[in-house]
Amino acid sequence: MIDTHQHLIYPEKFTYPWAKEIPALQGAFRLEQYNEVIGSAPIEGTLFMEVDVDDEFSADEARFFCDLADTSTNRILGVIAAARPEKDGFEDYLNSISHKRLLGIRRVLHTQPDELSTSSLFRKNIRALAARNLTFDLCVLQRQLSLALELVQSAPGVSFVLDHCGVPDIASNHHPEGEGWLHWKSNIHRLAACPNVFGKISGITVYAAEDQRNASALACYVQTMIDAFGPDRLVWGGDWPVVNLGSGLPCWIDITTEILSHLTPEERENILSRNARTIYHIPS
């Protein structure tokens, strides 16, 4: 397995304003702790995912984790760094963090005004990722999926990865006939119709009610992702330590293992490992 969504929190180095009011995310969540949590799970490597640090630390965070990725025993295969495409100087910033293990960027959008991703500057800067072979991870709310569609259509040369199954509002969607469920499902299929979009099965226990944090309740969401994207355009992510707000990482591994058990061994390997290497251009 390749965990394409590994957050690591080093509060002695960086500040994380978004986490200040979340008791479960106080303190450090370092690489050593991640390795303890996964235990004997067959995770062969990870991609570090930026943790929305204060702007002043974004470049330092990228460089720090790219340096960690240079040591093979850390099993960090690559880094998706924070960036601000809405600002001038975007390409200079990318030059400043350039590294062989820098595989993509992410600008968290679900906490920002909807219009952020609609500006001409934002979209111009996103299009610049194509020449650098960098991906863009899309983190949007269910209600923002139509905005995500506009963004990916404006940059057809860029590979986008839709985080957390498009953040479905599982607790309120009322599968299988609820308006929320139908809205999410239709927008997932619209995004999947764009060949430059890939899906990430991750993070969804956080958006589920406690009694929904199981394979039976979440299978419809994962299966919709499989139906829409196919096993060749999906990756898997653990979302640790944010996953602790839901089921916890070991339980999430068990849930996805159960849900994917009906697939062929090759299809499971594609989702859990092989696709990540291709989509993110992981160097050997």
Protein backbone atom coordinates (compact mmCIF):
# COMPACT_ATOMS: atom_id res chain seq x y z
CA MET A 1 0.00 0.00 0.00
CA ILE A 2 1.05 3.59 -0.64
CA ASP A 3 -0.53 6.11 1.69
CA THR A 4 -0.98 9.18 -0.51
CA HIS A 5 -2.27 11.39 2.30
CA GLN A 6 0.08 11.41 5.27
CA HIS A 7 -0.03 14.51 7.45
CA LEU A 8 2.79 14.98 9.93
CA ILE A 9 2.64 17.71 12.57
CA TYR A 10 5.80 19.19 14.09
CA PRO A 11 4.61 22.05 16.34
CA GLU A 12 8.15 22.93 17.39
CA LYS A 13 8.90 23.84 13.76
CA PHE A 14 5.64 25.13 12.27
CA THR A 15 2.32 26.62 13.38
CA TYR A 16 -1.08 25.22 12.41
CA PRO A 17 -3.77 27.85 13.03
CA TRP A 18 -6.64 25.69 11.75
CA ALA A 19 -5.97 23.02 14.41
CA LYS A 20 -5.94 25.28 17.45
CA GLU A 21 -9.56 24.55 18.36
CA ILE A 22 -9.38 20.80 17.76
CA PRO A 23 -8.28 19.04 20.97
CA ALA A 24 -7.57 15.72 19.22
CA LEU A 25 -4.96 17.40 17.01
CA GLN A 26 -3.00 19.17 19.71
CA GLY A 27 0.63 18.21 20.17
CA ALA A 28 3.02 16.47 17.82
CA PHE A 29 2.24 13.80 15.23
CA ARG A 30 5.65 12.85 13.94
CA LEU A 31 6.93 10.19 11.57
CA GLU A 32 7.87 7.88 14.43
CA GLN A 33 4.33 8.00 15.77
CA TYR A 34 2.86 7.31 12.35
CA ASN A 35 5.03 4.20 12.07
CA GLU A 36 3.81 3.03 15.46
CA VAL A 37 0.17 3.56 14.50
CA ILE A 38 0.34 1.59 11.26
CA GLY A 39 2.04 -1.32 13.02
CA SER A 40 2.15 -4.31 10.71
CA ALA A 41 -0.08 -2.78 8.02
CA PRO A 42 1.50 -3.36 4.58
CA ILE A 43 2.27 0.30 3.87
CA GLU A 44 5.37 0.37 1.67
CA GLY A 45 5.59 4.13 1.40
CA THR A 46 3.80 7.43 1.87
CA LEU A 47 3.27 10.82 0.30
CA PHE A 48 3.49 13.67 2.77
CA MET A 49 0.54 16.02 2.37
CA GLU A 50 0.96 19.64 3.44
CA VAL A 51 -0.83 20.54 6.67
CA ASP A 52 -1.96 24.11 5.91
CA VAL A 53 0.69 25.74 8.06
CA ASP A 54 0.87 29.51 8.46
CA ASP A 55 1.89 31.05 5.13
CA GLU A 56 5.30 32.08 6.43
CA PHE A 57 6.19 28.41 7.01
CA SER A 58 4.95 26.90 3.74
CA ALA A 59 8.31 26.81 1.97
CA ASP A 60 10.11 25.58 5.08
CA GLU A 61 7.58 22.79 5.50
CA ALA A 62 8.09 21.70 1.89
CA ARG A 63 11.88 21.69 2.21
CA PHE A 64 11.83 19.89 5.56
CA PHE A 65 9.74 17.00 4.29
CA CYS A 66 11.57 16.80 0.96
CA ASP A 67 14.74 16.38 3.01
CA LEU A 68 13.09 13.61 5.04
CA ALA A 69 12.04 11.95 1.80
CA ASP A 70 15.70 11.83 0.73
CA THR A 71 16.29 9.17 3.40
CA SER A 72 14.78 5.93 2.11
CA THR A 73 14.24 4.44 5.56
CA ASN A 74 11.64 7.16 6.24
CA ARG A 75 9.49 5.63 3.46
CA ILE A 76 8.33 9.09 2.35
CA LEU A 77 8.22 8.72 -1.43
CA GLY A 78 7.24 12.29 -2.23
CA VAL A 79 5.79 15.56 -1.02
CA ILE A 80 2.67 17.52 -1.93
CA ALA A 81 3.50 21.03 -0.75
CA ALA A 82 1.39 24.03 0.20
CA ALA A 83 1.20 26.91 -2.25
CA ARG A 84 -0.88 30.01 -2.90
CA PRO A 85 -1.86 30.14 -6.60
CA GLU A 86 -3.96 33.23 -5.92
CA LYS A 87 -0.79 35.29 -5.37
CA ASP A 88 1.77 36.86 -7.67
CA GLY A 89 5.18 35.23 -7.57
CA PHE A 90 3.77 31.72 -7.67
CA GLU A 91 6.37 30.34 -10.07
CA ASP A 92 9.20 31.95 -8.11
CA TYR A 93 7.85 30.19 -5.04
CA LEU A 94 7.80 26.86 -6.88
CA ASN A 95 11.40 27.46 -7.94
CA SER A 96 12.34 28.05 -4.31
CA ILE A 97 11.00 24.66 -3.19
CA SER A 98 11.97 22.65 -6.27
CA HIS A 99 13.17 19.16 -5.37
CA LYS A 100 13.12 15.73 -6.99
CA ARG A 101 10.69 14.58 -4.29
CA LEU A 102 8.29 17.50 -4.80
CA LEU A 103 5.47 15.83 -6.71
CA GLY A 104 2.57 18.23 -6.39
CA ILE A 105 0.95 21.09 -4.55
CA ARG A 106 -2.25 21.68 -2.66
CA ARG A 107 -4.15 24.82 -1.83
CA VAL A 108 -6.87 23.94 0.68
CA LEU A 109 -10.05 25.38 -0.82
CA HIS A 110 -12.78 24.12 1.49
CA THR A 111 -11.92 26.72 4.13
CA GLN A 112 -11.65 29.59 1.64
CA PRO A 113 -14.18 31.83 -0.15
CA ASP A 114 -15.67 30.11 -3.18
CA GLU A 115 -14.37 32.78 -5.54
CA LEU A 116 -10.72 32.09 -4.69
CA SER A 117 -10.32 29.43 -7.38
CA THR A 118 -12.23 31.40 -10.01
CA SER A 119 -9.76 34.25 -10.52
CA SER A 120 -7.75 34.43 -13.73
CA LEU A 121 -4.49 34.58 -11.75
CA PHE A 122 -5.34 31.43 -9.79
CA ARG A 123 -6.16 29.50 -12.93
CA LYS A 124 -3.13 30.80 -14.82
CA ASN A 125 -0.86 29.67 -11.99
CA ILE A 126 -2.51 26.26 -11.82
CA ARG A 127 -1.98 25.79 -15.55
CA ALA A 128 1.74 26.42 -14.97
CA LEU A 129 1.95 23.15 -13.02
CA ALA A 130 1.70 21.13 -16.23
CA ALA A 131 5.15 22.18 -17.47
CA ARG A 132 6.63 21.14 -14.13
CA ASN A 133 4.86 17.76 -14.05
CA LEU A 134 3.29 18.66 -10.70
CA THR A 135 -0.16 17.52 -9.62
CA PHE A 136 -2.78 19.57 -7.80
CA ASP A 137 -4.72 18.00 -4.93
CA LEU A 138 -8.30 19.29 -4.78
CA CYS A 139 -9.71 19.68 -1.29
CA VAL A 140 -13.25 21.03 -1.63
CA LEU A 141 -16.55 20.57 0.14
CA GLN A 142 -19.40 18.64 -1.44
CA ARG A 143 -21.19 21.91 -2.24
CA GLN A 144 -18.03 23.17 -4.03
CA LEU A 145 -17.72 20.26 -6.46
CA SER A 146 -19.12 22.32 -9.32
CA LEU A 147 -16.39 24.91 -8.69
CA ALA A 148 -13.83 22.11 -8.77
CA LEU A 149 -15.20 21.06 -12.13
CA GLU A 150 -14.75 24.57 -13.51
CA LEU A 151 -11.16 24.64 -12.26
CA VAL A 152 -10.13 21.31 -13.78
CA GLN A 153 -11.74 22.25 -17.07
CA SER A 154 -9.70 25.46 -17.11
CA ALA A 155 -6.42 23.52 -16.83
CA PRO A 156 -6.75 20.39 -19.00
CA GLY A 157 -2.99 19.78 -19.00
CA VAL A 158 -2.79 19.44 -15.21
CA SER A 159 -3.48 16.25 -13.26
CA PHE A 160 -5.90 16.87 -10.38
CA VAL A 161 -6.47 14.47 -7.48
CA LEU A 162 -9.81 14.83 -5.69
CA ASP A 163 -9.14 14.41 -1.98
CA HIS A 164 -11.43 12.55 0.41
CA CYS A 165 -13.92 11.41 -2.24
CA GLY A 166 -14.95 15.04 -2.67
CA VAL A 167 -15.74 15.46 1.06
CA PRO A 168 -19.27 14.01 1.01
CA ASP A 169 -21.58 15.13 3.81
CA ILE A 170 -22.21 11.53 4.76
CA ALA A 171 -23.96 12.22 8.03
CA SER A 172 -26.63 14.30 6.24
CA ASN A 173 -26.74 12.88 2.72
CA HIS A 174 -29.34 10.17 3.36
CA HIS A 175 -28.25 7.49 0.93
CA PRO A 176 -29.77 6.22 -1.35
CA GLU A 177 -32.51 8.78 -2.14
CA GLY A 178 -31.46 11.91 -0.29
CA GLU A 179 -30.89 15.14 -2.20
CA GLY A 180 -27.39 15.44 -0.74
CA TRP A 181 -26.42 11.95 -1.81
CA LEU A 182 -27.72 12.45 -5.35
CA HIS A 183 -25.96 15.82 -5.63
CA TRP A 184 -22.63 14.34 -4.51
CA LYS A 185 -22.95 11.29 -6.76
CA SER A 186 -23.82 13.24 -9.90
CA ASN A 187 -20.95 15.68 -9.38
CA ILE A 188 -18.47 12.87 -8.82
CA HIS A 189 -19.43 11.41 -12.19
CA ARG A 190 -19.13 14.85 -13.83
CA LEU A 191 -15.62 15.28 -12.46
CA ALA A 192 -14.63 11.75 -13.41
CA ALA A 193 -15.66 12.49 -16.99
CA CYS A 194 -12.64 14.83 -17.15
CA PRO A 195 -9.63 12.67 -18.08
CA ASN A 196 -7.25 14.87 -16.05
CA VAL A 197 -9.03 14.16 -12.75
CA PHE A 198 -8.23 11.26 -10.42
CA GLY A 199 -9.94 10.24 -7.20
CA LYS A 200 -8.59 9.61 -3.72
CA ILE A 201 -10.34 7.23 -1.33
CA SER A 202 -9.50 8.84 1.98
CA GLY A 203 -10.78 10.77 4.96
CA ILE A 204 -14.48 9.95 4.75
CA THR A 205 -14.98 8.53 8.25
CA VAL A 206 -14.53 12.10 9.53
CA TYR A 207 -17.66 13.15 7.63
CA ALA A 208 -19.75 10.20 8.79
CA ALA A 209 -21.84 9.82 11.91
CA GLU A 210 -20.40 7.45 14.48
CA ASP A 211 -22.74 4.62 13.50
CA GLN A 212 -21.73 5.07 9.83
CA ARG A 213 -18.00 4.53 10.37
CA ASN A 214 -18.03 1.01 8.99
CA ALA A 215 -17.72 -0.81 5.68
CA SER A 216 -21.45 -1.38 5.34
CA ALA A 217 -22.36 2.32 5.51
CA LEU A 218 -19.37 3.67 3.56
CA ALA A 219 -19.30 1.12 0.75
CA CYS A 220 -21.75 3.14 -1.38
CA TYR A 221 -19.34 6.10 -1.41
CA VAL A 222 -16.28 4.05 -2.27
CA GLN A 223 -18.20 2.08 -4.89
CA THR A 224 -19.41 5.30 -6.51
CA MET A 225 -15.77 6.41 -6.79
CA ILE A 226 -14.90 3.05 -8.38
CA ASP A 227 -17.85 3.24 -10.77
CA ALA A 228 -17.00 6.82 -11.77
CA PHE A 229 -13.21 6.72 -12.03
CA GLY A 230 -12.53 3.02 -12.48
CA PRO A 231 -9.81 1.12 -10.57
CA ASP A 232 -7.10 2.67 -12.79
CA ARG A 233 -7.75 6.29 -11.71
CA LEU A 234 -8.02 5.95 -7.95
CA VAL A 235 -5.53 6.11 -5.09
CA TRP A 236 -5.82 5.47 -1.37
CA GLY A 237 -4.94 7.75 1.54
CA GLY A 238 -4.85 7.38 5.31
CA ASP A 239 -5.32 11.06 6.32
CA TRP A 240 -3.51 10.53 9.62
CA PRO A 241 -3.83 12.15 12.14
CA VAL A 242 -7.03 13.89 10.94
CA VAL A 243 -8.53 10.42 10.57
CA ASN A 244 -8.48 10.27 14.38
CA LEU A 245 -11.52 12.55 14.29
CA GLY A 246 -13.31 9.66 12.62
CA SER A 247 -12.36 6.01 12.88
CA GLY A 248 -8.60 6.16 13.38
CA LEU A 249 -6.11 4.86 10.84
CA PRO A 250 -6.06 1.12 11.70
CA CYS A 251 -9.86 1.00 11.50
CA TRP A 252 -9.84 2.93 8.20
CA ILE A 253 -7.38 0.41 6.76
CA ASP A 254 -9.71 -2.41 7.82
CA ILE A 255 -12.76 -0.64 6.37
CA THR A 256 -11.19 -0.07 2.97
CA THR A 257 -9.74 -3.57 2.88
CA GLU A 258 -13.24 -4.98 3.42
CA ILE A 259 -14.91 -2.68 0.89
CA LEU A 260 -12.34 -3.43 -1.83
CA SER A 261 -12.38 -7.18 -1.22
CA HIS A 262 -14.75 -7.80 -4.16
CA LEU A 263 -12.25 -6.42 -6.66
CA THR A 264 -9.64 -8.51 -8.43
CA PRO A 265 -6.15 -8.60 -6.91
CA GLU A 266 -4.88 -6.45 -9.78
CA GLU A 267 -7.62 -3.85 -9.28
CA ARG A 268 -6.88 -3.67 -5.56
CA GLU A 269 -3.15 -3.28 -6.22
CA ASN A 270 -3.88 -0.48 -8.68
CA ILE A 271 -5.92 1.48 -6.13
CA LEU A 272 -3.74 0.76 -3.12
CA SER A 273 -0.32 1.16 -4.71
CA ARG A 274 0.36 1.11 -8.45
CA ASN A 275 -1.77 4.10 -9.49
CA ALA A 276 -0.05 6.36 -6.97
CA ARG A 277 3.29 5.82 -8.65
CA THR A 278 1.87 6.72 -12.04
CA ILE A 279 -0.43 9.61 -11.14
CA TYR A 280 2.05 11.38 -8.85
CA HIS A 281 5.10 10.45 -10.96
CA ILE A 282 6.88 8.97 -7.95
CA PRO A 283 10.61 8.72 -8.74
CA SER A 284 12.29 5.37 -8.33
